């Protein structure tokens, strides 16, 4: 039964994040692995600033844009929240 179902699936699928510009195409069996790493997946900022962004943009956001990012005080060198 399962093998019959698999044979009905298209040979190649688009990523579910293709509306967010992901160009990945692959087999159903590869999809789960791809989705774990897909850089076009929409995520929330882990600092809980409220920003919603693509996974590929997270490093830039955390370094330069996040209102809750940690910055170093130029006087005492202590790490403080930007906001």
Protein backbone atom coordinates (compact mmCIF):
# COMPACT_ATOMS: atom_id res chain seq x y z
CA UNK A 1 0.00 0.00 0.00
CA UNK A 2 2.70 2.51 1.03
CA UNK A 3 4.83 1.76 -2.03
CA UNK A 4 1.79 2.41 -4.23
CA UNK A 5 1.27 5.75 -2.52
CA UNK A 6 4.92 6.74 -3.01
CA UNK A 7 4.74 5.86 -6.70
CA UNK A 8 1.87 8.36 -7.08
CA UNK A 9 3.95 11.25 -5.73
CA UNK A 10 5.79 13.41 -8.23
CA UNK A 11 9.43 12.44 -8.75
CA UNK A 12 10.57 15.87 -7.54
CA UNK A 13 8.89 18.27 -5.15
CA UNK A 14 9.45 21.95 -4.52
CA UNK A 15 10.32 23.07 -1.02
CA UNK A 16 7.32 24.27 0.97
CA UNK A 17 9.28 27.50 1.39
CA UNK A 18 9.40 28.16 -2.36
CA UNK A 19 7.08 31.14 -1.85
CA UNK A 20 9.91 32.58 0.28
CA UNK A 21 12.38 32.15 -2.63
CA UNK A 22 13.74 28.66 -1.82
CA UNK A 23 14.70 27.00 -5.11
CA UNK A 24 15.25 23.47 -3.68
CA UNK A 25 13.68 20.59 -5.58
CA UNK A 26 14.10 17.02 -4.50
CA UNK A 27 12.58 13.69 -3.71
CA UNK A 28 9.97 13.24 -0.98
CA UNK A 29 12.40 11.15 1.03
CA UNK A 30 14.84 14.12 1.11
CA UNK A 31 12.27 16.76 2.04
CA UNK A 32 12.37 16.32 5.83
CA UNK A 33 16.15 16.63 5.88
CA UNK A 34 16.02 19.72 3.68
CA UNK A 35 13.35 21.41 5.80
CA UNK A 36 15.52 21.09 8.92
CA UNK A 37 18.23 23.14 7.17
CA UNK A 38 16.19 25.28 4.76
CA UNK A 39 17.53 28.83 4.91
CA UNK A 40 14.21 30.21 3.65
CA UNK A 41 12.14 28.85 6.52
CA UNK A 42 10.28 31.61 8.38
CA UNK A 43 11.34 31.80 12.03
CA UNK A 44 10.88 34.05 15.03
CA UNK A 45 13.84 35.83 16.57
CA UNK A 46 15.24 33.66 19.40
CA UNK A 47 15.71 36.84 21.48
CA UNK A 48 11.92 37.27 21.40
CA UNK A 49 12.06 40.78 19.97
CA UNK A 50 8.97 40.00 17.89
CA UNK A 51 10.74 39.98 14.52
CA UNK A 52 9.75 37.31 11.98
CA UNK A 53 12.41 36.59 9.35
CA UNK A 54 13.96 34.02 7.04
CA UNK A 55 16.47 31.70 8.70
CA UNK A 56 19.16 32.91 6.28
CA UNK A 57 18.79 36.45 7.67
CA UNK A 58 19.06 35.49 11.33
CA UNK A 59 22.81 36.14 11.83
CA UNK A 60 22.53 39.64 10.34
CA UNK A 61 19.47 40.36 12.47
CA UNK A 62 21.10 39.18 15.70
CA UNK A 63 24.29 41.12 14.99
CA UNK A 64 22.89 44.42 13.75
CA UNK A 65 19.13 44.81 13.94
CA UNK A 66 17.66 43.00 16.94
CA UNK A 67 16.52 45.39 19.63
CA UNK A 68 17.32 42.72 22.21
CA UNK A 69 20.82 41.91 20.94
CA UNK A 70 23.70 42.07 23.37
CA UNK A 71 26.13 44.94 22.91
CA UNK A 72 29.28 45.72 24.81
CA UNK A 73 29.43 48.93 26.84
CA UNK A 74 32.37 50.94 25.53
CA UNK A 75 33.27 52.07 29.06
CA UNK A 76 32.88 49.05 31.34
CA UNK A 77 32.89 46.30 28.64
CA UNK A 78 29.81 44.71 30.23
CA UNK A 79 27.34 43.02 27.85
CA UNK A 80 24.00 44.84 27.88
CA UNK A 81 20.77 44.46 25.96
CA UNK A 82 20.59 47.05 23.16
CA UNK A 83 17.03 48.14 23.88
